[in-house]
Amino acid sequence: MSSVMPIVLFGIAGLLVGGLLQLRTNGASKLTLIIMGVLAALAAAGGVLWLLPE
């Protein structure tokens, strides 16, 4: 299970970034874009931190 979690977190980050780009082209509000960007960054950071040795 611990080897799958970074892949899942990076996948979620990728989906969020893709959604962020799509929302940006559709003219979403800046608050929505900021929230999506923060969530994507947190998912990517979680994936990186999961891979670091203890």
PDB file of N, CA and C in Angstrom:
ATOM      1  N   MET A   1       0.820  -1.196   0.000  1.00  0.00           N
ATOM      2  CA  MET A   1       0.000   0.000   0.000  1.00  0.00           C
ATOM      3  C   MET A   1       0.861   1.256   0.000  1.00  0.00           C
ATOM      4  N   SER A   2       1.986   1.231   0.708  1.00  0.00           N
ATOM      5  CA  SER A   2       2.808   2.435   0.795  1.00  0.00           C
ATOM      6  C   SER A   2       3.483   2.753  -0.541  1.00  0.00           C
ATOM      7  N   SER A   3       3.655   1.766  -1.413  1.00  0.00           N
ATOM      8  CA  SER A   3       4.259   2.057  -2.709  1.00  0.00           C
ATOM      9  C   SER A   3       3.240   2.595  -3.709  1.00  0.00           C
ATOM     10  N   VAL A   4       1.966   2.460  -3.414  1.00  0.00           N
ATOM     11  CA  VAL A   4       0.909   2.923  -4.315  1.00  0.00           C
ATOM     12  C   VAL A   4       0.530   4.376  -4.016  1.00  0.00           C
ATOM     13  N   MET A   5       0.657   4.799  -2.781  1.00  0.00           N
ATOM     14  CA  MET A   5       0.200   6.126  -2.380  1.00  0.00           C
ATOM     15  C   MET A   5       0.874   7.278  -3.133  1.00  0.00           C
ATOM     16  N   PRO A   6       2.201   7.260  -3.366  1.00  0.00           N
ATOM     17  CA  PRO A   6       2.775   8.374  -4.138  1.00  0.00           C
ATOM     18  C   PRO A   6       2.215   8.447  -5.555  1.00  0.00           C
ATOM     19  N   ILE A   7       1.978   7.294  -6.154  1.00  0.00           N
ATOM     20  CA  ILE A   7       1.413   7.267  -7.504  1.00  0.00           C
ATOM     21  C   ILE A   7       0.012   7.857  -7.495  1.00  0.00           C
ATOM     22  N   VAL A   8      -0.775   7.508  -6.494  1.00  0.00           N
ATOM     23  CA  VAL A   8      -2.137   8.043  -6.380  1.00  0.00           C
ATOM     24  C   VAL A   8      -2.097   9.552  -6.158  1.00  0.00           C
ATOM     25  N   LEU A   9      -1.219  10.015  -5.284  1.00  0.00           N
ATOM     26  CA  LEU A   9      -1.121  11.450  -5.015  1.00  0.00           C
ATOM     27  C   LEU A   9      -0.661  12.232  -6.243  1.00  0.00           C
ATOM     28  N   PHE A  10       0.312  11.703  -6.980  1.00  0.00           N
ATOM     29  CA  PHE A  10       0.753  12.378  -8.198  1.00  0.00           C
ATOM     30  C   PHE A  10      -0.349  12.354  -9.260  1.00  0.00           C
ATOM     31  N   GLY A  11      -1.109  11.276  -9.307  1.00  0.00           N
ATOM     32  CA  GLY A  11      -2.233  11.205 -10.238  1.00  0.00           C
ATOM     33  C   GLY A  11      -3.299  12.233  -9.913  1.00  0.00           C
ATOM     34  N   ILE A  12      -3.605  12.374  -8.633  1.00  0.00           N
ATOM     35  CA  ILE A  12      -4.584  13.384  -8.210  1.00  0.00           C
ATOM     36  C   ILE A  12      -4.065  14.783  -8.540  1.00  0.00           C
ATOM     37  N   ALA A  13      -2.785  15.017  -8.301  1.00  0.00           N
ATOM     38  CA  ALA A  13      -2.206  16.328  -8.624  1.00  0.00           C
ATOM     39  C   ALA A  13      -2.307  16.607 -10.120  1.00  0.00           C
ATOM     40  N   GLY A  14      -2.051  15.606 -10.933  1.00  0.00           N
ATOM     41  CA  GLY A  14      -2.154  15.780 -12.380  1.00  0.00           C
ATOM     42  C   GLY A  14      -3.572  16.072 -12.830  1.00  0.00           C
ATOM     43  N   LEU A  15      -4.527  15.366 -12.254  1.00  0.00           N
ATOM     44  CA  LEU A  15      -5.926  15.629 -12.589  1.00  0.00           C
ATOM     45  C   LEU A  15      -6.350  17.028 -12.165  1.00  0.00           C
ATOM     46  N   LEU A  16      -5.891  17.458 -11.003  1.00  0.00           N
ATOM     47  CA  LEU A  16      -6.230  18.799 -10.540  1.00  0.00           C
ATOM     48  C   LEU A  16      -5.607  19.879 -11.420  1.00  0.00           C
ATOM     49  N   VAL A  17      -4.378  19.664 -11.868  1.00  0.00           N
ATOM     50  CA  VAL A  17      -3.737  20.646 -12.750  1.00  0.00           C
ATOM     51  C   VAL A  17      -4.456  20.681 -14.094  1.00  0.00           C
ATOM     52  N   GLY A  18      -4.833  19.522 -14.606  1.00  0.00           N
ATOM     53  CA  GLY A  18      -5.594  19.494 -15.852  1.00  0.00           C
ATOM     54  C   GLY A  18      -6.934  20.201 -15.716  1.00  0.00           C
ATOM     55  N   GLY A  19      -7.615  19.968 -14.610  1.00  0.00           N
ATOM     56  CA  GLY A  19      -8.869  20.666 -14.351  1.00  0.00           C
ATOM     57  C   GLY A  19      -8.668  22.152 -14.183  1.00  0.00           C
ATOM     58  N   LEU A  20      -7.559  22.518 -13.556  1.00  0.00           N
ATOM     59  CA  LEU A  20      -7.233  23.936 -13.373  1.00  0.00           C
ATOM     60  C   LEU A  20      -7.053  24.625 -14.723  1.00  0.00           C
ATOM     61  N   LEU A  21      -6.335  23.990 -15.622  1.00  0.00           N
ATOM     62  CA  LEU A  21      -6.127  24.573 -16.942  1.00  0.00           C
ATOM     63  C   LEU A  21      -7.439  24.683 -17.715  1.00  0.00           C
ATOM     64  N   GLN A  22      -8.275  23.673 -17.597  1.00  0.00           N
ATOM     65  CA  GLN A  22      -9.563  23.704 -18.285  1.00  0.00           C
ATOM     66  C   GLN A  22     -10.466  24.796 -17.710  1.00  0.00           C
ATOM     67  N   LEU A  23     -10.485  24.927 -16.396  1.00  0.00           N
ATOM     68  CA  LEU A  23     -11.286  25.978 -15.776  1.00  0.00           C
ATOM     69  C   LEU A  23     -10.778  27.364 -16.168  1.00  0.00           C
ATOM     70  N   ARG A  24      -9.474  27.488 -16.305  1.00  0.00           N
ATOM     71  CA  ARG A  24      -8.895  28.785 -16.689  1.00  0.00           C
ATOM     72  C   ARG A  24      -9.327  29.182 -18.090  1.00  0.00           C
ATOM     73  N   THR A  25      -9.359  28.215 -19.014  1.00  0.00           N
ATOM     74  CA  THR A  25      -9.776  28.537 -20.374  1.00  0.00           C
ATOM     75  C   THR A  25     -11.271  28.835 -20.444  1.00  0.00           C
ATOM     76  N   ASN A  26     -12.046  28.286 -19.511  1.00  0.00           N
ATOM     77  CA  ASN A  26     -13.489  28.528 -19.496  1.00  0.00           C
ATOM     78  C   ASN A  26     -13.859  29.785 -18.719  1.00  0.00           C
ATOM     79  N   GLY A  27     -12.886  30.461 -18.139  1.00  0.00           N
ATOM     80  CA  GLY A  27     -13.145  31.723 -17.471  1.00  0.00           C
ATOM     81  C   GLY A  27     -13.684  31.597 -16.061  1.00  0.00           C
ATOM     82  N   ALA A  28     -13.154  30.652 -15.295  1.00  0.00           N
ATOM     83  CA  ALA A  28     -13.592  30.492 -13.910  1.00  0.00           C
ATOM     84  C   ALA A  28     -13.053  31.638 -13.055  1.00  0.00           C
ATOM     85  N   SER A  29     -13.632  31.802 -11.878  1.00  0.00           N
ATOM     86  CA  SER A  29     -13.203  32.880 -10.992  1.00  0.00           C
ATOM     87  C   SER A  29     -11.810  32.589 -10.435  1.00  0.00           C
ATOM     88  N   LYS A  30     -11.140  33.663 -10.007  1.00  0.00           N
ATOM     89  CA  LYS A  30      -9.782  33.515  -9.491  1.00  0.00           C
ATOM     90  C   LYS A  30      -9.749  32.713  -8.200  1.00  0.00           C
ATOM     91  N   LEU A  31     -10.781  32.826  -7.387  1.00  0.00           N
ATOM     92  CA  LEU A  31     -10.827  32.060  -6.142  1.00  0.00           C
ATOM     93  C   LEU A  31     -10.847  30.560  -6.431  1.00  0.00           C
ATOM     94  N   THR A  32     -11.620  30.155  -7.420  1.00  0.00           N
ATOM     95  CA  THR A  32     -11.670  28.745  -7.803  1.00  0.00           C
ATOM     96  C   THR A  32     -10.314  28.269  -8.286  1.00  0.00           C
ATOM     97  N   LEU A  33      -9.652  29.085  -9.093  1.00  0.00           N
ATOM     98  CA  LEU A  33      -8.339  28.709  -9.616  1.00  0.00           C
ATOM     99  C   LEU A  33      -7.306  28.608  -8.509  1.00  0.00           C
ATOM    100  N   ILE A  34      -7.379  29.515  -7.547  1.00  0.00           N
ATOM    101  CA  ILE A  34      -6.432  29.475  -6.424  1.00  0.00           C
ATOM    102  C   ILE A  34      -6.646  28.220  -5.591  1.00  0.00           C
ATOM    103  N   ILE A  35      -7.903  27.893  -5.313  1.00  0.00           N
ATOM    104  CA  ILE A  35      -8.203  26.698  -4.515  1.00  0.00           C
ATOM    105  C   ILE A  35      -7.720  25.445  -5.219  1.00  0.00           C
ATOM    106  N   MET A  36      -7.984  25.354  -6.526  1.00  0.00           N
ATOM    107  CA  MET A  36      -7.536  24.176  -7.286  1.00  0.00           C
ATOM    108  C   MET A  36      -6.009  24.100  -7.313  1.00  0.00           C
ATOM    109  N   GLY A  37      -5.346  25.245  -7.461  1.00  0.00           N
ATOM    110  CA  GLY A  37      -3.887  25.253  -7.475  1.00  0.00           C
ATOM    111  C   GLY A  37      -3.290  24.826  -6.151  1.00  0.00           C
ATOM    112  N   VAL A  38      -3.891  25.284  -5.071  1.00  0.00           N
ATOM    113  CA  VAL A  38      -3.405  24.898  -3.738  1.00  0.00           C
ATOM    114  C   VAL A  38      -3.604  23.402  -3.514  1.00  0.00           C
ATOM    115  N   LEU A  39      -4.746  22.880  -3.906  1.00  0.00           N
ATOM    116  CA  LEU A  39      -5.000  21.447  -3.737  1.00  0.00           C
ATOM    117  C   LEU A  39      -4.037  20.611  -4.584  1.00  0.00           C
ATOM    118  N   ALA A  40      -3.764  21.059  -5.803  1.00  0.00           N
ATOM    119  CA  ALA A  40      -2.815  20.345  -6.656  1.00  0.00           C
ATOM    120  C   ALA A  40      -1.415  20.377  -6.055  1.00  0.00           C
ATOM    121  N   ALA A  41      -1.015  21.528  -5.526  1.00  0.00           N
ATOM    122  CA  ALA A  41       0.312  21.633  -4.911  1.00  0.00           C
ATOM    123  C   ALA A  41       0.411  20.760  -3.667  1.00  0.00           C
ATOM    124  N   LEU A  42      -0.657  20.714  -2.876  1.00  0.00           N
ATOM    125  CA  LEU A  42      -0.644  19.857  -1.682  1.00  0.00           C
ATOM    126  C   LEU A  42      -0.554  18.378  -2.051  1.00  0.00           C
ATOM    127  N   ALA A  43      -1.264  17.972  -3.080  1.00  0.00           N
ATOM    128  CA  ALA A  43      -1.204  16.565  -3.504  1.00  0.00           C
ATOM    129  C   ALA A  43       0.191  16.220  -4.016  1.00  0.00           C
ATOM    130  N   ALA A  44       0.788  17.107  -4.802  1.00  0.00           N
ATOM    131  CA  ALA A  44       2.139  16.852  -5.310  1.00  0.00           C
ATOM    132  C   ALA A  44       3.157  16.842  -4.169  1.00  0.00           C
ATOM    133  N   ALA A  45       3.024  17.774  -3.242  1.00  0.00           N
ATOM    134  CA  ALA A  45       3.940  17.809  -2.097  1.00  0.00           C
ATOM    135  C   ALA A  45       3.773  16.557  -1.239  1.00  0.00           C
ATOM    136  N   GLY A  46       2.562  16.103  -1.076  1.00  0.00           N
ATOM    137  CA  GLY A  46       2.328  14.866  -0.326  1.00  0.00           C
ATOM    138  C   GLY A  46       2.989  13.672  -0.992  1.00  0.00           C
ATOM    139  N   GLY A  47       2.923  13.614  -2.328  1.00  0.00           N
ATOM    140  CA  GLY A  47       3.592  12.530  -3.050  1.00  0.00           C
ATOM    141  C   GLY A  47       5.099  12.567  -2.880  1.00  0.00           C
ATOM    142  N   VAL A  48       5.664  13.762  -2.920  1.00  0.00           N
ATOM    143  CA  VAL A  48       7.114  13.893  -2.742  1.00  0.00           C
ATOM    144  C   VAL A  48       7.513  13.530  -1.316  1.00  0.00           C
ATOM    145  N   LEU A  49       6.774  14.047  -0.357  1.00  0.00           N
ATOM    146  CA  LEU A  49       7.103  13.753   1.042  1.00  0.00           C
ATOM    147  C   LEU A  49       6.940  12.275   1.375  1.00  0.00           C
ATOM    148  N   TRP A  50       6.013  11.607   0.723  1.00  0.00           N
ATOM    149  CA  TRP A  50       5.815  10.185   0.965  1.00  0.00           C
ATOM    150  C   TRP A  50       7.038   9.398   0.496  1.00  0.00           C
ATOM    151  N   LEU A  51       7.714   9.883  -0.541  1.00  0.00           N
ATOM    152  CA  LEU A  51       8.877   9.170  -1.076  1.00  0.00           C
ATOM    153  C   LEU A  51      10.155   9.412  -0.290  1.00  0.00           C
ATOM    154  N   LEU A  52      10.183  10.456   0.531  1.00  0.00           N
ATOM    155  CA  LEU A  52      11.386  10.750   1.306  1.00  0.00           C
ATOM    156  C   LEU A  52      11.588   9.698   2.401  1.00  0.00           C
ATOM    157  N   PRO A  53      12.833   9.346   2.649  1.00  0.00           N
ATOM    158  CA  PRO A  53      13.079   8.390   3.744  1.00  0.00           C
ATOM    159  C   PRO A  53      12.807   9.028   5.104  1.00  0.00           C
ATOM    160  N   GLU A  54      12.492   8.198   6.038  1.00  0.00           N
ATOM    161  CA  GLU A  54      12.144   8.698   7.374  1.00  0.00           C
ATOM    162  C   GLU A  54      13.344   9.113   8.162  1.00  0.00           C
TER     163      GLU A  54
END
